[in-house]
């Protein structure tokens, strides 16, 4: 999501940068095609960033806060350490400037992505046929529940935010139709004291 005041600042920066470097705009594509291409590149970056948070020990310190939730529901979709959010904002801005994205593209992406990430973090089930159909396009609830497994070999998979295609392309797709024995969260993180706000905020800075 684009939040104030960072959203306002980003809008000014992107508007200014496109006058100096139009990015994809220099291809003179039809506006709809240009918007689709920019949205795909933004979603690709979201996949790469998510995967980096799992594969880089330093970044995992902060991203693990998201995975320490042992009860997966819609609130989990917004459970991120403020340092992870800061890194995400700082790193994505140069990329958006490079591809020539405007604030209208970020707003559109947020409008599309927000219901999808809340859907695949939700704690309700859908019919198996609908589940299989959904995961052809977007990360489905079962796909993402597997991503929140306590097993490292399972939670290092299914990184997609809006589209599931990147997991298929880059070999990180993992699908199981039966998750009855799935344990969510992280080992030794279900303790209520460890799940308090200040404990979670301070945990990445512990040895």
Protein backbone atom coordinates (compact mmCIF):
# COMPACT_ATOMS: atom_id res chain seq x y z
CA UNK A 1 0.00 0.00 0.00
CA UNK A 2 1.05 3.58 -0.59
CA UNK A 3 0.95 5.43 2.72
CA UNK A 4 1.14 9.14 3.51
CA UNK A 5 3.52 10.96 3.66
CA UNK A 6 5.83 8.55 1.78
CA UNK A 7 3.24 8.19 -1.00
CA UNK A 8 3.14 11.95 -1.56
CA UNK A 9 6.93 12.18 -1.63
CA UNK A 10 7.15 9.23 -4.02
CA UNK A 11 4.55 10.84 -6.31
CA UNK A 12 6.66 14.00 -6.61
CA UNK A 13 9.89 12.05 -7.15
CA UNK A 14 8.40 9.80 -9.84
CA UNK A 15 6.78 12.74 -11.61
CA UNK A 16 10.09 14.58 -11.64
CA UNK A 17 12.14 11.56 -12.73
CA UNK A 18 9.92 10.78 -15.72
CA UNK A 19 10.74 14.16 -17.24
CA UNK A 20 14.44 13.22 -17.21
CA UNK A 21 14.11 9.48 -17.85
CA UNK A 22 10.83 8.17 -19.29
CA UNK A 23 11.85 4.53 -18.87
CA UNK A 24 9.43 2.27 -20.71
CA UNK A 25 7.73 5.44 -21.96
CA UNK A 26 10.49 5.82 -24.55
CA UNK A 27 9.11 2.76 -26.35
CA UNK A 28 6.00 4.76 -27.27
CA UNK A 29 3.70 1.84 -26.47
CA UNK A 30 -0.08 2.24 -26.25
CA UNK A 31 -0.94 3.43 -22.71
CA UNK A 32 -2.71 0.18 -21.80
CA UNK A 33 0.22 -1.97 -22.96
CA UNK A 34 2.67 0.29 -21.15
CA UNK A 35 0.64 0.08 -17.93
CA UNK A 36 0.43 -3.73 -18.12
CA UNK A 37 4.19 -4.01 -18.70
CA UNK A 38 4.96 -1.71 -15.77
CA UNK A 39 2.59 -3.63 -13.49
CA UNK A 40 4.27 -6.90 -14.47
CA UNK A 41 7.70 -5.45 -13.69
CA UNK A 42 6.50 -4.15 -10.33
CA UNK A 43 5.12 -7.58 -9.47
CA UNK A 44 8.35 -9.24 -10.61
CA UNK A 45 10.25 -6.95 -8.25
CA UNK A 46 7.87 -7.91 -5.42
CA UNK A 47 8.71 -11.58 -6.10
CA UNK A 48 12.46 -10.88 -6.14
CA UNK A 49 12.30 -8.77 -2.98
CA UNK A 50 10.26 -11.41 -1.14
CA UNK A 51 12.68 -14.13 -2.16
CA UNK A 52 15.67 -12.03 -1.06
CA UNK A 53 14.07 -11.66 2.36
CA UNK A 54 14.11 -15.44 2.70
CA UNK A 55 17.52 -16.15 1.21
CA UNK A 56 19.51 -13.33 2.87
CA UNK A 57 20.20 -13.90 6.55
CA UNK A 58 20.21 -10.20 7.43
CA UNK A 59 16.89 -9.51 5.71
CA UNK A 60 15.35 -12.67 7.17
CA UNK A 61 15.90 -11.25 10.67
CA UNK A 62 13.19 -8.69 9.91
CA UNK A 63 10.98 -10.70 7.55
CA UNK A 64 10.76 -13.55 10.05
CA UNK A 65 8.45 -11.34 12.13
CA UNK A 66 5.86 -11.86 9.40
CA UNK A 67 6.36 -15.63 9.58
CA UNK A 68 6.31 -15.90 13.36
CA UNK A 69 2.51 -15.63 13.38
CA UNK A 70 1.17 -19.12 14.15
CA UNK A 71 -2.42 -18.16 13.32
CA UNK A 72 -2.65 -17.17 9.67
CA UNK A 73 -5.41 -14.70 8.85
CA UNK A 74 -5.93 -11.38 7.08
CA UNK A 75 -4.05 -9.47 9.80
CA UNK A 76 -0.91 -11.45 8.95
CA UNK A 77 -0.83 -9.76 5.54
CA UNK A 78 0.09 -6.47 7.24
CA UNK A 79 2.39 -7.85 9.92
CA UNK A 80 5.83 -6.55 8.93
CA UNK A 81 8.73 -5.06 10.84
CA UNK A 82 9.14 -1.32 10.25
CA UNK A 83 12.78 -1.84 9.15
CA UNK A 84 11.66 -4.25 6.44
CA UNK A 85 9.13 -1.68 5.23
CA UNK A 86 11.84 1.00 5.21
CA UNK A 87 14.24 -1.17 3.18
CA UNK A 88 11.44 -2.03 0.77
CA UNK A 89 10.59 1.63 0.19
CA UNK A 90 14.21 2.68 -0.30
CA UNK A 91 15.04 -0.11 -2.73
CA UNK A 92 11.93 0.01 -4.88
CA UNK A 93 12.05 3.76 -5.58
CA UNK A 94 15.15 3.60 -7.88
CA UNK A 95 13.59 0.65 -9.71
CA UNK A 96 10.34 2.52 -10.30
CA UNK A 97 12.33 5.50 -11.57
CA UNK A 98 14.29 3.23 -13.92
CA UNK A 99 11.20 1.66 -15.52
CA UNK A 100 9.35 4.96 -15.69
CA UNK A 101 6.52 4.03 -13.34
CA UNK A 102 4.17 6.78 -12.24
CA UNK A 103 2.21 7.11 -9.05
CA UNK A 104 -0.87 6.03 -11.04
CA UNK A 105 0.81 2.68 -11.74
CA UNK A 106 1.63 2.18 -8.06
CA UNK A 107 -1.91 3.05 -7.05
CA UNK A 108 -3.33 0.63 -9.60
CA UNK A 109 -0.93 -2.10 -8.48
CA UNK A 110 -1.89 -1.53 -4.85
CA UNK A 111 -5.59 -1.71 -5.72
CA UNK A 112 -5.01 -5.06 -7.44
CA UNK A 113 -2.53 -6.52 -4.97
CA UNK A 114 -4.23 -5.62 -1.69
CA UNK A 115 -7.31 -7.87 -2.04
CA UNK A 116 -5.13 -10.67 -3.43
CA UNK A 117 -2.68 -10.71 -0.51
CA UNK A 118 -5.54 -10.47 1.98
CA UNK A 119 -7.24 -13.35 0.17
CA UNK A 120 -4.24 -15.67 0.24
CA UNK A 121 -3.49 -14.84 3.88
CA UNK A 122 -7.10 -15.47 4.89
CA UNK A 123 -8.10 -18.39 7.10
CA UNK A 124 -11.02 -19.65 5.05
CA UNK A 125 -11.03 -22.46 2.52
CA UNK A 126 -12.44 -22.56 -0.98
CA UNK A 127 -13.59 -25.52 -3.04
CA UNK A 128 -10.67 -27.62 -4.41
CA UNK A 129 -11.66 -26.87 -8.01
CA UNK A 130 -11.67 -23.11 -7.29
CA UNK A 131 -8.35 -23.46 -5.45
CA UNK A 132 -6.72 -25.12 -8.49
CA UNK A 133 -8.18 -22.49 -10.81
CA UNK A 134 -7.11 -19.58 -8.60
CA UNK A 135 -3.49 -20.70 -8.33
CA UNK A 136 -3.13 -20.65 -12.11
CA UNK A 137 -3.25 -16.87 -11.86
CA UNK A 138 -2.74 -15.73 -8.27
CA UNK A 139 -1.27 -17.26 -5.11
CA UNK A 140 -4.14 -19.24 -3.62
CA UNK A 141 -4.83 -19.65 0.12
CA UNK A 142 -3.42 -23.20 0.20
CA UNK A 143 -0.32 -22.10 -1.70
CA UNK A 144 0.36 -19.33 0.75
CA UNK A 145 -0.42 -21.37 3.84
CA UNK A 146 2.36 -23.69 2.67
CA UNK A 147 4.61 -20.64 2.44
CA UNK A 148 3.96 -20.05 6.16
CA UNK A 149 4.90 -23.61 7.14
CA UNK A 150 7.39 -24.15 9.95
CA UNK A 151 9.45 -26.36 7.64
CA UNK A 152 12.17 -24.38 5.86
CA UNK A 153 11.82 -26.47 2.70
CA UNK A 154 8.17 -25.42 2.52
CA UNK A 155 8.27 -21.78 3.58
CA UNK A 156 11.05 -21.10 1.06
CA UNK A 157 8.52 -21.37 -1.75
CA UNK A 158 5.48 -19.61 -3.25
CA UNK A 159 6.84 -16.06 -3.06
CA UNK A 160 4.35 -14.46 -5.46
CA UNK A 161 2.36 -11.41 -4.34
CA UNK A 162 -0.13 -10.68 -7.10
CA UNK A 163 0.65 -13.35 -9.71
CA UNK A 164 1.74 -16.96 -9.28
CA UNK A 165 3.52 -17.04 -12.65
CA UNK A 166 6.89 -15.99 -11.21
CA UNK A 167 7.02 -19.04 -8.94
CA UNK A 168 6.39 -21.22 -11.99
CA UNK A 169 9.05 -19.48 -14.05
CA UNK A 170 11.74 -19.46 -11.36
CA UNK A 171 11.07 -22.90 -9.91
CA UNK A 172 9.81 -21.88 -6.47
CA UNK A 173 6.26 -23.22 -6.86
CA UNK A 174 5.23 -25.81 -4.27
CA UNK A 175 1.74 -27.28 -4.18
CA UNK A 176 0.10 -29.72 -1.76
CA UNK A 177 -3.61 -30.41 -1.77
CA UNK A 178 -3.71 -31.72 1.79
CA UNK A 179 -2.32 -29.53 4.56
CA UNK A 180 -3.94 -31.28 7.53
CA UNK A 181 -0.57 -31.82 9.24
CA UNK A 182 0.77 -28.34 8.49
CA UNK A 183 2.24 -26.37 11.38
CA UNK A 184 2.30 -22.60 10.90
CA UNK A 185 4.75 -20.03 12.23
CA UNK A 186 8.27 -20.58 13.46
CA UNK A 187 9.70 -23.00 16.01
CA UNK A 188 9.62 -21.67 19.59
CA UNK A 189 7.74 -18.52 18.51
CA UNK A 190 4.22 -19.36 19.70
CA UNK A 191 4.97 -18.13 23.23
CA UNK A 192 2.63 -15.24 23.96
CA UNK A 193 5.45 -13.14 25.45
CA UNK A 194 7.49 -13.45 22.26
CA UNK A 195 4.50 -12.30 20.22
CA UNK A 196 4.04 -9.01 22.04
CA UNK A 197 4.65 -5.86 20.01
CA UNK A 198 7.89 -4.69 21.60
CA UNK A 199 9.34 -8.19 21.70
CA UNK A 200 8.74 -8.51 17.95
CA UNK A 201 10.18 -5.05 17.24
CA UNK A 202 13.36 -5.79 19.20
CA UNK A 203 13.86 -9.42 18.17
CA UNK A 204 15.82 -8.77 14.92
CA UNK A 205 18.47 -6.91 16.92
CA UNK A 206 19.18 -9.80 19.29
CA UNK A 207 22.29 -11.94 18.64
